[in-house]
Amino acid sequence: NHKLKTRLRNLSLNTVCEESRCPNISECFS
């Protein structure tokens, strides 16, 4: 889900999903 990540970056937002390397990131982002 690169599109979701790109949109978050464009808004200069952080997610704990990425910061903590959550193992469910694929499932949740999809």
PDB file of all heavy atoms in Angstrom:
ATOM      1  N   ASN A   1       0.815  -1.203   0.000  1.00  0.00           N
ATOM      2  CA  ASN A   1       0.000   0.000   0.000  1.00  0.00           C
ATOM      3  C   ASN A   1       0.857   1.264   0.000  1.00  0.00           C
ATOM      4  O   ASN A   1       0.789   2.095   0.902  1.00  0.00           O
ATOM      5  CB  ASN A   1      -0.973   0.024   1.177  1.00  0.00           C
ATOM      6  CG  ASN A   1      -2.231   0.825   0.839  1.00  0.00           C
ATOM      7  OD1 ASN A   1      -2.187   1.758   0.047  1.00  0.00           O
ATOM      8  ND2 ASN A   1      -3.337   0.444   1.443  1.00  0.00           N
ATOM      9  N   HIS A   2       1.648   1.394  -1.018  1.00  0.00           N
ATOM     10  CA  HIS A   2       2.535   2.544  -1.158  1.00  0.00           C
ATOM     11  C   HIS A   2       1.734   3.839  -1.262  1.00  0.00           C
ATOM     12  O   HIS A   2       2.176   4.897  -0.797  1.00  0.00           O
ATOM     13  CB  HIS A   2       3.416   2.362  -2.398  1.00  0.00           C
ATOM     14  CG  HIS A   2       4.342   3.503  -2.657  1.00  0.00           C
ATOM     15  ND1 HIS A   2       5.431   3.762  -1.852  1.00  0.00           N
ATOM     16  CD2 HIS A   2       4.324   4.472  -3.623  1.00  0.00           C
ATOM     17  CE1 HIS A   2       6.056   4.840  -2.316  1.00  0.00           C
ATOM     18  NE2 HIS A   2       5.407   5.280  -3.370  1.00  0.00           N
ATOM     19  N   LYS A   3       0.537   3.772  -1.860  1.00  0.00           N
ATOM     20  CA  LYS A   3      -0.290   4.973  -2.014  1.00  0.00           C
ATOM     21  C   LYS A   3      -0.634   5.573  -0.654  1.00  0.00           C
ATOM     22  O   LYS A   3      -0.580   6.794  -0.467  1.00  0.00           O
ATOM     23  CB  LYS A   3      -1.569   4.643  -2.774  1.00  0.00           C
ATOM     24  CG  LYS A   3      -2.490   5.863  -2.953  1.00  0.00           C
ATOM     25  CD  LYS A   3      -3.822   5.485  -3.580  1.00  0.00           C
ATOM     26  CE  LYS A   3      -3.682   5.308  -5.063  1.00  0.00           C
ATOM     27  NZ  LYS A   3      -5.025   5.125  -5.722  1.00  0.00           N
ATOM     28  N   LEU A   4      -1.026   4.707   0.306  1.00  0.00           N
ATOM     29  CA  LEU A   4      -1.374   5.196   1.632  1.00  0.00           C
ATOM     30  C   LEU A   4      -0.177   5.867   2.282  1.00  0.00           C
ATOM     31  O   LEU A   4      -0.288   6.962   2.850  1.00  0.00           O
ATOM     32  CB  LEU A   4      -1.882   4.049   2.504  1.00  0.00           C
ATOM     33  CG  LEU A   4      -2.165   4.369   3.979  1.00  0.00           C
ATOM     34  CD1 LEU A   4      -3.175   5.501   4.096  1.00  0.00           C
ATOM     35  CD2 LEU A   4      -2.667   3.145   4.702  1.00  0.00           C
ATOM     36  N   LYS A   5       0.983   5.226   2.211  1.00  0.00           N
ATOM     37  CA  LYS A   5       2.183   5.805   2.797  1.00  0.00           C
ATOM     38  C   LYS A   5       2.501   7.157   2.173  1.00  0.00           C
ATOM     39  O   LYS A   5       2.867   8.115   2.870  1.00  0.00           O
ATOM     40  CB  LYS A   5       3.380   4.865   2.599  1.00  0.00           C
ATOM     41  CG  LYS A   5       3.352   3.605   3.433  1.00  0.00           C
ATOM     42  CD  LYS A   5       4.670   2.871   3.250  1.00  0.00           C
ATOM     43  CE  LYS A   5       4.709   1.575   4.025  1.00  0.00           C
ATOM     44  NZ  LYS A   5       6.017   0.888   3.891  1.00  0.00           N
ATOM     45  N   THR A   6       2.372   7.243   0.854  1.00  0.00           N
ATOM     46  CA  THR A   6       2.675   8.487   0.153  1.00  0.00           C
ATOM     47  C   THR A   6       1.761   9.611   0.617  1.00  0.00           C
ATOM     48  O   THR A   6       2.207  10.745   0.845  1.00  0.00           O
ATOM     49  CB  THR A   6       2.540   8.291  -1.368  1.00  0.00           C
ATOM     50  OG1 THR A   6       3.444   7.275  -1.792  1.00  0.00           O
ATOM     51  CG2 THR A   6       2.837   9.583  -2.108  1.00  0.00           C
ATOM     52  N   ARG A   7       0.481   9.309   0.776  1.00  0.00           N
ATOM     53  CA  ARG A   7      -0.466  10.326   1.224  1.00  0.00           C
ATOM     54  C   ARG A   7      -0.132  10.808   2.636  1.00  0.00           C
ATOM     55  O   ARG A   7      -0.228  11.999   2.934  1.00  0.00           O
ATOM     56  CB  ARG A   7      -1.887   9.759   1.181  1.00  0.00           C
ATOM     57  CG  ARG A   7      -2.449   9.616  -0.231  1.00  0.00           C
ATOM     58  CD  ARG A   7      -3.845   9.033  -0.213  1.00  0.00           C
ATOM     59  NE  ARG A   7      -4.441   9.041  -1.550  1.00  0.00           N
ATOM     60  CZ  ARG A   7      -5.642   8.554  -1.822  1.00  0.00           C
ATOM     61  NH1 ARG A   7      -6.373   8.003  -0.854  1.00  0.00           N
ATOM     62  NH2 ARG A   7      -6.118   8.614  -3.054  1.00  0.00           N
ATOM     63  N   LEU A   8       0.259   9.885   3.498  1.00  0.00           N
ATOM     64  CA  LEU A   8       0.634  10.268   4.851  1.00  0.00           C
ATOM     65  C   LEU A   8       1.884  11.147   4.848  1.00  0.00           C
ATOM     66  O   LEU A   8       1.979  12.120   5.599  1.00  0.00           O
ATOM     67  CB  LEU A   8       0.863   9.024   5.717  1.00  0.00           C
ATOM     68  CG  LEU A   8      -0.373   8.173   6.008  1.00  0.00           C
ATOM     69  CD1 LEU A   8       0.020   6.881   6.698  1.00  0.00           C
ATOM     70  CD2 LEU A   8      -1.368   8.944   6.867  1.00  0.00           C
ATOM     71  N   ARG A   9       2.839  10.807   3.978  1.00  0.00           N
ATOM     72  CA  ARG A   9       4.061  11.607   3.883  1.00  0.00           C
ATOM     73  C   ARG A   9       3.744  13.007   3.363  1.00  0.00           C
ATOM     74  O   ARG A   9       4.315  13.986   3.822  1.00  0.00           O
ATOM     75  CB  ARG A   9       5.076  10.933   2.942  1.00  0.00           C
ATOM     76  CG  ARG A   9       5.628   9.625   3.427  1.00  0.00           C
ATOM     77  CD  ARG A   9       6.453   9.779   4.706  1.00  0.00           C
ATOM     78  NE  ARG A   9       6.744   8.473   5.255  1.00  0.00           N
ATOM     79  CZ  ARG A   9       5.943   7.817   6.088  1.00  0.00           C
ATOM     80  NH1 ARG A   9       4.787   8.343   6.462  1.00  0.00           N
ATOM     81  NH2 ARG A   9       6.269   6.640   6.564  1.00  0.00           N
ATOM     82  N   ASN A  10       2.842  13.085   2.413  1.00  0.00           N
ATOM     83  CA  ASN A  10       2.484  14.385   1.849  1.00  0.00           C
ATOM     84  C   ASN A  10       1.853  15.302   2.890  1.00  0.00           C
ATOM     85  O   ASN A  10       1.916  16.525   2.773  1.00  0.00           O
ATOM     86  CB  ASN A  10       1.531  14.208   0.664  1.00  0.00           C
ATOM     87  CG  ASN A  10       2.222  13.606  -0.558  1.00  0.00           C
ATOM     88  OD1 ASN A  10       3.451  13.648  -0.666  1.00  0.00           O
ATOM     89  ND2 ASN A  10       1.450  13.049  -1.461  1.00  0.00           N
ATOM     90  N   LEU A  11       1.233  14.704   3.910  1.00  0.00           N
ATOM     91  CA  LEU A  11       0.627  15.473   4.987  1.00  0.00           C
ATOM     92  C   LEU A  11       1.569  15.612   6.179  1.00  0.00           C
ATOM     93  O   LEU A  11       1.189  16.163   7.219  1.00  0.00           O
ATOM     94  CB  LEU A  11      -0.674  14.800   5.440  1.00  0.00           C
ATOM     95  CG  LEU A  11      -1.841  14.872   4.451  1.00  0.00           C
ATOM     96  CD1 LEU A  11      -2.958  13.930   4.878  1.00  0.00           C
ATOM     97  CD2 LEU A  11      -2.363  16.298   4.342  1.00  0.00           C
ATOM     98  N   SER A  12       2.803  15.111   6.030  1.00  0.00           N
ATOM     99  CA  SER A  12       3.819  15.168   7.102  1.00  0.00           C
ATOM    100  C   SER A  12       3.313  14.535   8.393  1.00  0.00           C
ATOM    101  O   SER A  12       3.424  15.097   9.484  1.00  0.00           O
ATOM    102  CB  SER A  12       4.231  16.621   7.361  1.00  0.00           C
ATOM    103  OG  SER A  12       4.799  17.198   6.218  1.00  0.00           O
ATOM    104  N   LEU A  13       2.753  13.332   8.264  1.00  0.00           N
ATOM    105  CA  LEU A  13       2.213  12.622   9.413  1.00  0.00           C
ATOM    106  C   LEU A  13       3.007  11.351   9.681  1.00  0.00           C
ATOM    107  O   LEU A  13       3.531  10.721   8.765  1.00  0.00           O
ATOM    108  CB  LEU A  13       0.741  12.268   9.178  1.00  0.00           C
ATOM    109  CG  LEU A  13      -0.224  13.453   9.042  1.00  0.00           C
ATOM    110  CD1 LEU A  13      -1.615  12.962   8.666  1.00  0.00           C
ATOM    111  CD2 LEU A  13      -0.281  14.266  10.333  1.00  0.00           C
ATOM    112  N   ASN A  14       3.071  10.972  10.957  1.00  0.00           N
ATOM    113  CA  ASN A  14       3.738   9.739  11.365  1.00  0.00           C
ATOM    114  C   ASN A  14       2.706   8.701  11.782  1.00  0.00           C
ATOM    115  O   ASN A  14       1.634   9.044  12.277  1.00  0.00           O
ATOM    116  CB  ASN A  14       4.669   9.998  12.570  1.00  0.00           C
ATOM    117  CG  ASN A  14       5.774  10.962  12.246  1.00  0.00           C
ATOM    118  OD1 ASN A  14       6.471  10.825  11.243  1.00  0.00           O
ATOM    119  ND2 ASN A  14       5.952  11.970  13.093  1.00  0.00           N
ATOM    120  N   THR A  15       3.025   7.437  11.571  1.00  0.00           N
ATOM    121  CA  THR A  15       2.195   6.360  12.108  1.00  0.00           C
ATOM    122  C   THR A  15       3.047   5.514  13.036  1.00  0.00           C
ATOM    123  O   THR A  15       4.234   5.272  12.773  1.00  0.00           O
ATOM    124  CB  THR A  15       1.618   5.446  11.004  1.00  0.00           C
ATOM    125  OG1 THR A  15       2.688   4.736  10.373  1.00  0.00           O
ATOM    126  CG2 THR A  15       0.840   6.244   9.977  1.00  0.00           C
ATOM    127  N   VAL A  16       2.432   5.067  14.133  1.00  0.00           N
ATOM    128  CA  VAL A  16       3.151   4.196  15.054  1.00  0.00           C
ATOM    129  C   VAL A  16       3.399   2.844  14.392  1.00  0.00           C
ATOM    130  O   VAL A  16       4.323   2.113  14.762  1.00  0.00           O
ATOM    131  CB  VAL A  16       2.374   4.044  16.382  1.00  0.00           C
ATOM    132  CG1 VAL A  16       1.168   3.151  16.225  1.00  0.00           C
ATOM    133  CG2 VAL A  16       3.284   3.551  17.491  1.00  0.00           C
ATOM    134  N   CYS A  17       2.587   2.529  13.387  1.00  0.00           N
ATOM    135  CA  CYS A  17       2.744   1.273  12.644  1.00  0.00           C
ATOM    136  C   CYS A  17       4.167   1.150  12.087  1.00  0.00           C
ATOM    137  O   CYS A  17       4.808   0.099  12.167  1.00  0.00           O
ATOM    138  CB  CYS A  17       1.747   1.215  11.496  1.00  0.00           C
ATOM    139  SG  CYS A  17       0.103   1.840  11.875  1.00  0.00           S
ATOM    140  N   GLU A  18       4.665   2.248  11.511  1.00  0.00           N
ATOM    141  CA  GLU A  18       6.000   2.234  10.930  1.00  0.00           C
ATOM    142  C   GLU A  18       7.083   2.479  11.967  1.00  0.00           C
ATOM    143  O   GLU A  18       8.132   1.843  11.952  1.00  0.00           O
ATOM    144  CB  GLU A  18       6.080   3.282   9.819  1.00  0.00           C
ATOM    145  CG  GLU A  18       5.185   2.970   8.633  1.00  0.00           C
ATOM    146  CD  GLU A  18       5.181   4.090   7.616  1.00  0.00           C
ATOM    147  OE1 GLU A  18       4.393   5.037   7.778  1.00  0.00           O
ATOM    148  OE2 GLU A  18       5.984   4.011   6.661  1.00  0.00           O
ATOM    149  N   GLU A  19       6.830   3.429  12.883  1.00  0.00           N
ATOM    150  CA  GLU A  19       7.834   3.784  13.878  1.00  0.00           C
ATOM    151  C   GLU A  19       8.196   2.600  14.759  1.00  0.00           C
ATOM    152  O   GLU A  19       9.343   2.445  15.167  1.00  0.00           O
ATOM    153  CB  GLU A  19       7.323   4.942  14.751  1.00  0.00           C
ATOM    154  CG  GLU A  19       7.162   6.261  14.023  1.00  0.00           C
ATOM    155  CD  GLU A  19       8.492   6.859  13.596  1.00  0.00           C
ATOM    156  OE1 GLU A  19       9.511   6.570  14.235  1.00  0.00           O
ATOM    157  OE2 GLU A  19       8.502   7.623  12.609  1.00  0.00           O
ATOM    158  N   SER A  20       7.216   1.753  15.075  1.00  0.00           N
ATOM    159  CA  SER A  20       7.460   0.612  15.960  1.00  0.00           C
ATOM    160  C   SER A  20       7.683  -0.691  15.199  1.00  0.00           C
ATOM    161  O   SER A  20       7.831  -1.744  15.799  1.00  0.00           O
ATOM    162  CB  SER A  20       6.287   0.430  16.919  1.00  0.00           C
ATOM    163  OG  SER A  20       5.103   0.122  16.204  1.00  0.00           O
ATOM    164  N   ARG A  21       7.678  -0.599  13.838  1.00  0.00           N
ATOM    165  CA  ARG A  21       7.837  -1.790  12.995  1.00  0.00           C
ATOM    166  C   ARG A  21       6.820  -2.871  13.368  1.00  0.00           C
ATOM    167  O   ARG A  21       7.152  -4.042  13.572  1.00  0.00           O
ATOM    168  CB  ARG A  21       9.268  -2.342  13.104  1.00  0.00           C
ATOM    169  CG  ARG A  21      10.320  -1.390  12.574  1.00  0.00           C
ATOM    170  CD  ARG A  21      11.699  -1.985  12.628  1.00  0.00           C
ATOM    171  NE  ARG A  21      12.715  -1.020  12.230  1.00  0.00           N
ATOM    172  CZ  ARG A  21      14.026  -1.242  12.264  1.00  0.00           C
ATOM    173  NH1 ARG A  21      14.480  -2.414  12.690  1.00  0.00           N
ATOM    174  NH2 ARG A  21      14.876  -0.306  11.896  1.00  0.00           N
ATOM    175  N   CYS A  22       5.590  -2.468  13.457  1.00  0.00           N
ATOM    176  CA  CYS A  22       4.513  -3.388  13.842  1.00  0.00           C
ATOM    177  C   CYS A  22       4.404  -4.523  12.833  1.00  0.00           C
ATOM    178  O   CYS A  22       4.382  -4.286  11.619  1.00  0.00           O
ATOM    179  CB  CYS A  22       3.194  -2.627  13.927  1.00  0.00           C
ATOM    180  SG  CYS A  22       1.783  -3.692  14.319  1.00  0.00           S
ATOM    181  N   PRO A  23       4.294  -5.767  13.301  1.00  0.00           N
ATOM    182  CA  PRO A  23       4.195  -6.912  12.388  1.00  0.00           C
ATOM    183  C   PRO A  23       2.884  -6.980  11.629  1.00  0.00           C
ATOM    184  O   PRO A  23       2.752  -7.753  10.683  1.00  0.00           O
ATOM    185  CB  PRO A  23       4.346  -8.120  13.322  1.00  0.00           C
ATOM    186  CG  PRO A  23       3.888  -7.626  14.647  1.00  0.00           C
ATOM    187  CD  PRO A  23       4.342  -6.192  14.711  1.00  0.00           C
ATOM    188  N   ASN A  24       1.895  -6.172  12.020  1.00  0.00           N
ATOM    189  CA  ASN A  24       0.603  -6.164  11.328  1.00  0.00           C
ATOM    190  C   ASN A  24       0.484  -5.053  10.299  1.00  0.00           C
ATOM    191  O   ASN A  24      -0.593  -4.817   9.767  1.00  0.00           O
ATOM    192  CB  ASN A  24      -0.533  -6.011  12.358  1.00  0.00           C
ATOM    193  CG  ASN A  24      -0.539  -7.121  13.378  1.00  0.00           C
ATOM    194  OD1 ASN A  24      -0.440  -8.284  13.035  1.00  0.00           O
ATOM    195  ND2 ASN A  24      -0.636  -6.754  14.637  1.00  0.00           N
ATOM    196  N   ILE A  25       1.587  -4.383  10.010  1.00  0.00           N
ATOM    197  CA  ILE A  25       1.525  -3.210   9.144  1.00  0.00           C
ATOM    198  C   ILE A  25       0.974  -3.545   7.765  1.00  0.00           C
ATOM    199  O   ILE A  25       0.187  -2.782   7.202  1.00  0.00           O
ATOM    200  CB  ILE A  25       2.916  -2.534   9.043  1.00  0.00           C
ATOM    201  CG1 ILE A  25       2.789  -1.188   8.315  1.00  0.00           C
ATOM    202  CG2 ILE A  25       3.942  -3.438   8.383  1.00  0.00           C
ATOM    203  CD1 ILE A  25       4.061  -0.363   8.389  1.00  0.00           C
ATOM    204  N   SER A  26       1.344  -4.692   7.212  1.00  0.00           N
ATOM    205  CA  SER A  26       0.844  -5.074   5.892  1.00  0.00           C
ATOM    206  C   SER A  26      -0.668  -5.228   5.916  1.00  0.00           C
ATOM    207  O   SER A  26      -1.378  -4.721   5.049  1.00  0.00           O
ATOM    208  CB  SER A  26       1.488  -6.388   5.439  1.00  0.00           C
ATOM    209  OG  SER A  26       2.895  -6.278   5.399  1.00  0.00           O
ATOM    210  N   GLU A  27      -1.168  -5.931   6.913  1.00  0.00           N
ATOM    211  CA  GLU A  27      -2.595  -6.203   7.026  1.00  0.00           C
ATOM    212  C   GLU A  27      -3.391  -4.916   7.227  1.00  0.00           C
ATOM    213  O   GLU A  27      -4.408  -4.683   6.562  1.00  0.00           O
ATOM    214  CB  GLU A  27      -2.846  -7.154   8.197  1.00  0.00           C
ATOM    215  CG  GLU A  27      -4.292  -7.541   8.384  1.00  0.00           C
ATOM    216  CD  GLU A  27      -4.464  -8.525   9.533  1.00  0.00           C
ATOM    217  OE1 GLU A  27      -3.455  -8.936  10.130  1.00  0.00           O
ATOM    218  OE2 GLU A  27      -5.623  -8.858   9.823  1.00  0.00           O
ATOM    219  N   CYS A  28      -2.913  -4.064   8.137  1.00  0.00           N
ATOM    220  CA  CYS A  28      -3.654  -2.841   8.439  1.00  0.00           C
ATOM    221  C   CYS A  28      -3.601  -1.842   7.290  1.00  0.00           C
ATOM    222  O   CYS A  28      -4.617  -1.247   6.930  1.00  0.00           O
ATOM    223  CB  CYS A  28      -3.108  -2.215   9.717  1.00  0.00           C
ATOM    224  SG  CYS A  28      -3.419  -3.208  11.189  1.00  0.00           S
ATOM    225  N   PHE A  29      -2.423  -1.656   6.696  1.00  0.00           N
ATOM    226  CA  PHE A  29      -2.309  -0.704   5.602  1.00  0.00           C
ATOM    227  C   PHE A  29      -3.137  -1.145   4.398  1.00  0.00           C
ATOM    228  O   PHE A  29      -3.691  -0.324   3.681  1.00  0.00           O
ATOM    229  CB  PHE A  29      -0.844  -0.521   5.206  1.00  0.00           C
ATOM    230  CG  PHE A  29      -0.138   0.568   5.986  1.00  0.00           C
ATOM    231  CD1 PHE A  29      -0.588   0.953   7.235  1.00  0.00           C
ATOM    232  CD2 PHE A  29       0.966   1.202   5.459  1.00  0.00           C
ATOM    233  CE1 PHE A  29       0.050   1.951   7.952  1.00  0.00           C
ATOM    234  CE2 PHE A  29       1.621   2.207   6.169  1.00  0.00           C
ATOM    235  CZ  PHE A  29       1.153   2.578   7.411  1.00  0.00           C
ATOM    236  N   SER A  30      -3.219  -2.461   4.176  1.00  0.00           N
ATOM    237  CA  SER A  30      -4.012  -2.950   3.050  1.00  0.00           C
ATOM    238  C   SER A  30      -5.493  -2.652   3.244  1.00  0.00           C
ATOM    239  O   SER A  30      -6.252  -2.575   2.285  1.00  0.00           O
ATOM    240  CB  SER A  30      -3.802  -4.452   2.860  1.00  0.00           C
ATOM    241  OG  SER A  30      -4.360  -5.180   3.937  1.00  0.00           O
TER     242      SER A  30
END
